[in-house]
Protein backbone atom coordinates (compact mmCIF):
# COMPACT_ATOMS: atom_id res chain seq x y z
CA MET A 1 245.65 -17.57 -4.04
CA ALA A 2 243.77 -20.96 -4.72
CA LYS A 3 241.95 -21.35 -7.40
CA LEU A 4 239.07 -23.90 -9.05
CA TYR A 5 240.51 -25.10 -12.63
CA PHE A 6 238.74 -26.89 -15.44
CA TYR A 7 240.76 -28.48 -17.73
CA TYR A 8 238.80 -30.01 -20.27
CA SER A 9 238.52 -31.78 -23.81
CA SER A 10 237.23 -34.46 -25.88
CA MET A 11 238.73 -38.24 -25.48
CA ASN A 12 242.45 -39.06 -25.88
CA ALA A 13 243.84 -35.52 -25.45
CA GLY A 14 245.92 -36.55 -22.64
CA LYS A 15 244.02 -35.19 -19.17
CA SER A 16 245.14 -38.19 -17.06
CA THR A 17 248.82 -37.85 -18.39
CA VAL A 18 248.60 -33.52 -17.38
CA LEU A 19 246.65 -34.74 -14.25
CA LEU A 20 249.21 -37.49 -12.92
CA GLN A 21 252.37 -35.37 -14.13
CA SER A 22 250.83 -32.36 -11.77
CA SER A 23 250.40 -34.53 -8.85
CA TYR A 24 254.34 -35.99 -9.95
CA ASN A 25 255.36 -32.07 -9.56
CA TYR A 26 254.08 -31.49 -6.08
CA GLY A 27 255.34 -34.28 -4.92
CA GLU A 28 258.51 -33.85 -6.03
CA ARG A 29 258.90 -30.29 -4.05
CA GLY A 30 257.57 -32.43 -1.30
CA LEU A 31 253.55 -31.58 -1.12
CA HIS A 32 250.93 -33.80 -0.83
CA THR A 33 247.83 -33.57 -3.49
CA LEU A 34 244.77 -35.72 -3.23
CA LYS A 35 244.02 -37.16 -6.48
CA PHE A 36 239.66 -38.55 -6.89
CA THR A 37 238.71 -40.58 -9.69
CA PRO A 38 235.22 -41.68 -9.96
CA ALA A 39 233.99 -44.90 -8.64
CA VAL A 40 232.03 -45.60 -11.87
CA ASP A 41 235.54 -45.27 -14.42
CA ASP A 42 236.92 -49.44 -12.95
CA ARG A 43 239.13 -49.44 -16.48
CA ALA A 44 242.11 -49.23 -14.79
CA GLY A 45 240.82 -50.79 -11.59
CA ILE A 46 238.69 -49.21 -9.06
CA GLY A 47 240.74 -46.00 -7.29
CA ARG A 48 243.41 -46.01 -10.49
CA ILE A 49 244.09 -43.22 -12.34
CA GLN A 50 246.05 -44.70 -15.92
CA SER A 51 247.00 -42.80 -18.47
CA ARG A 52 246.89 -44.26 -22.55
CA ILE A 53 250.63 -43.53 -22.38
CA GLY A 54 251.05 -45.79 -19.35
CA LEU A 55 251.50 -43.37 -16.47
CA ALA A 56 249.24 -43.90 -13.68
CA GLY A 57 248.63 -43.81 -9.96
CA ASP A 58 246.19 -44.67 -6.90
CA ALA A 59 243.34 -42.47 -6.18
CA SER A 60 240.41 -42.04 -4.01
CA THR A 61 237.01 -42.81 -4.96
CA PHE A 62 234.11 -40.92 -5.20
CA THR A 63 230.50 -40.85 -5.95
CA THR A 64 227.52 -38.10 -6.66
CA ALA A 65 226.44 -39.12 -2.93
CA ASP A 66 229.56 -37.97 -1.36
CA ASN A 67 230.47 -34.97 0.45
CA LEU A 68 233.49 -33.88 -0.97
CA LEU A 69 234.24 -30.43 1.48
CA GLU A 70 234.29 -32.83 3.99
CA ARG A 71 236.05 -35.59 2.86
CA ILE A 72 239.01 -33.03 1.80
CA ARG A 73 238.84 -31.17 5.17
CA ALA A 74 239.33 -34.44 6.61
CA GLU A 75 242.31 -35.12 4.67
CA HIS A 76 244.24 -31.76 5.11
CA ALA A 77 243.77 -32.14 8.87
CA ALA A 78 245.32 -35.17 8.97
CA ARG A 79 247.99 -34.30 6.48
CA PRO A 80 248.33 -30.91 4.83
CA LEU A 81 247.48 -30.81 1.20
CA ALA A 82 248.98 -28.57 -1.12
CA CYS A 83 246.46 -29.11 -3.93
CA VAL A 84 243.40 -31.40 -4.75
CA LEU A 85 243.12 -33.10 -8.34
CA VAL A 86 239.86 -34.85 -10.10
CA ASP A 87 239.77 -37.20 -12.96
CA GLU A 88 237.27 -37.42 -15.10
CA ALA A 89 235.45 -34.35 -13.54
CA GLN A 90 232.29 -34.49 -16.02
CA PHE A 91 230.98 -37.20 -13.57
CA LEU A 92 230.72 -34.79 -10.54
CA GLY A 93 227.63 -33.68 -9.46
CA ARG A 94 226.36 -29.89 -9.30
CA GLU A 95 226.87 -30.01 -5.77
CA GLN A 96 230.21 -31.53 -5.79
CA VAL A 97 231.47 -28.52 -7.88
CA ARG A 98 230.18 -26.23 -5.58
CA GLN A 99 232.00 -28.00 -2.88
CA LEU A 100 235.13 -27.81 -4.37
CA SER A 101 234.89 -24.49 -5.20
CA ASP A 102 234.59 -23.36 -1.29
CA VAL A 103 237.68 -26.07 -0.59
CA VAL A 104 239.50 -23.26 -2.91
CA ASP A 105 237.27 -20.54 -1.19
CA VAL A 106 237.27 -21.44 2.80
CA LEU A 107 240.12 -24.47 2.39
CA ASP A 108 242.56 -22.23 0.33
CA ILE A 109 243.58 -25.08 -1.71
CA PRO A 110 243.56 -25.42 -5.53
CA VAL A 111 241.65 -27.86 -7.07
CA LEU A 112 242.64 -28.83 -10.71
CA CYS A 113 239.79 -30.56 -12.19
CA TYR A 114 240.04 -32.74 -15.96
CA GLY A 115 237.30 -34.08 -18.02
CA LEU A 116 235.17 -34.22 -20.98
CA ARG A 117 233.17 -31.15 -21.57
CA THR A 118 230.28 -32.86 -23.73
CA ASP A 119 228.78 -36.56 -23.94
CA PHE A 120 228.58 -38.61 -27.24
CA GLN A 121 225.23 -36.57 -28.19
CA GLY A 122 226.93 -33.20 -28.04
CA ASN A 123 225.19 -32.37 -24.60
CA LEU A 124 226.90 -30.76 -21.54
CA PHE A 125 227.57 -33.66 -18.25
CA GLU A 126 226.28 -32.25 -14.72
CA GLY A 127 229.96 -31.88 -13.96
CA SER A 128 231.33 -29.99 -16.95
CA ALA A 129 228.38 -27.55 -16.91
CA ALA A 130 228.74 -26.69 -13.55
CA LEU A 131 232.45 -26.53 -13.92
CA LEU A 132 232.16 -24.22 -16.71
CA ALA A 133 230.11 -21.54 -14.94
CA TRP A 134 232.15 -22.02 -11.27
CA ALA A 135 235.23 -22.37 -12.40
CA ASP A 136 238.29 -19.08 -12.14
CA ALA A 137 239.95 -20.57 -15.02
CA LEU A 138 238.83 -22.59 -17.75
CA THR A 139 241.45 -24.43 -20.27
CA GLU A 140 241.07 -26.42 -23.30
CA ILE A 141 243.71 -29.52 -23.98
CA LYS A 142 243.59 -29.81 -27.45
CA THR A 143 243.45 -33.56 -29.52
CA ILE A 144 242.69 -33.90 -33.54
CA CYS A 145 240.25 -35.37 -35.23
CA HIS A 146 241.07 -38.37 -38.30
CA CYS A 147 240.75 -34.93 -40.77
CA GLY A 148 243.63 -33.50 -38.77
CA ARG A 149 241.57 -30.68 -37.56
CA LYS A 150 240.70 -30.02 -33.77
CA ALA A 151 238.68 -32.40 -32.37
CA THR A 152 236.01 -31.12 -30.16
CA MET A 153 233.20 -33.89 -29.74
CA VAL A 154 233.23 -37.49 -29.09
CA LEU A 155 231.18 -40.05 -31.07
CA ARG A 156 230.18 -43.34 -29.80
CA VAL A 157 230.62 -46.51 -31.71
CA ASP A 158 229.32 -50.20 -30.88
CA ALA A 159 231.35 -53.36 -31.95
CA GLU A 160 231.06 -53.14 -35.07
CA GLY A 161 232.79 -49.20 -35.50
CA ARG A 162 229.28 -47.90 -36.48
CA VAL A 163 228.41 -44.42 -34.43
CA VAL A 164 225.75 -44.63 -31.63
CA ARG A 165 223.25 -41.95 -31.27
CA GLU A 166 221.08 -42.97 -28.50
CA GLY A 167 221.58 -44.50 -24.90
CA ALA A 168 222.41 -44.01 -21.59
CA GLN A 169 224.76 -40.74 -21.41
CA ILE A 170 227.47 -42.54 -19.04
CA GLU A 171 228.74 -45.43 -20.60
CA ILE A 172 232.35 -46.45 -19.54
CA GLY A 173 234.49 -47.26 -22.32
CA GLY A 174 237.75 -46.28 -23.90
CA ASN A 175 239.20 -45.97 -27.44
CA ALA A 176 236.75 -49.22 -28.53
CA ARG A 177 233.58 -47.21 -27.56
CA TYR A 178 234.62 -43.43 -28.25
CA VAL A 179 236.34 -41.07 -31.13
CA SER A 180 237.21 -37.84 -30.85
CA VAL A 181 236.07 -35.77 -34.09
CA CYS A 182 235.69 -32.06 -35.30
CA ARG A 183 232.14 -30.87 -34.98
CA ARG A 184 231.69 -31.39 -38.76
CA HIS A 185 232.36 -35.13 -38.71
CA PHE A 186 230.32 -35.28 -35.45
CA LYS A 187 227.16 -33.76 -37.41
CA GLU A 188 228.30 -36.25 -39.95
CA GLY A 189 228.57 -39.15 -37.93
CA ARG A 190 231.96 -40.10 -39.24
CA ALA A 191 234.05 -41.76 -36.83
CA HIS A 192 237.19 -42.39 -39.27
CA ALA A 193 238.82 -41.15 -42.50
């Protein structure tokens, strides 16, 4: 029986690595997957998922205007899918999470979503909130703070490494813009030891 999975963490926990490995495992068995990445995230190039350790793969892009159920249904009709994988799932809209639950419930295809739980202000992303509510299985992928504790929060930093507490929720960036920290260091605004 198919399920909707949400694998969440702070930055730099290896979410994209796990997604690419999962897709590889299906492919190794001769099974087809469909990978999605948000069009807004062009750090590795449009339609590319890339992990910091060097794994990469092509993916279909999505925007919040896309009907993912219909896109997946069409792809599945053309070539049966064993699994759908979504990178940066925090950028999904609430309705898209519902559509992904229909992929599971109607098309009987497992959907594995990987994303951040909270933003740099400690607030849930829309997609993450919906996944926390609708997913059949929730799994935290762990990473560590500079102090050695489990990192559960993300700080945004400017070019000089100073913590930024205000701004748009979505600002694409990697290690130069975001630092994963424990809750204590998030509250203190301490991005480095």
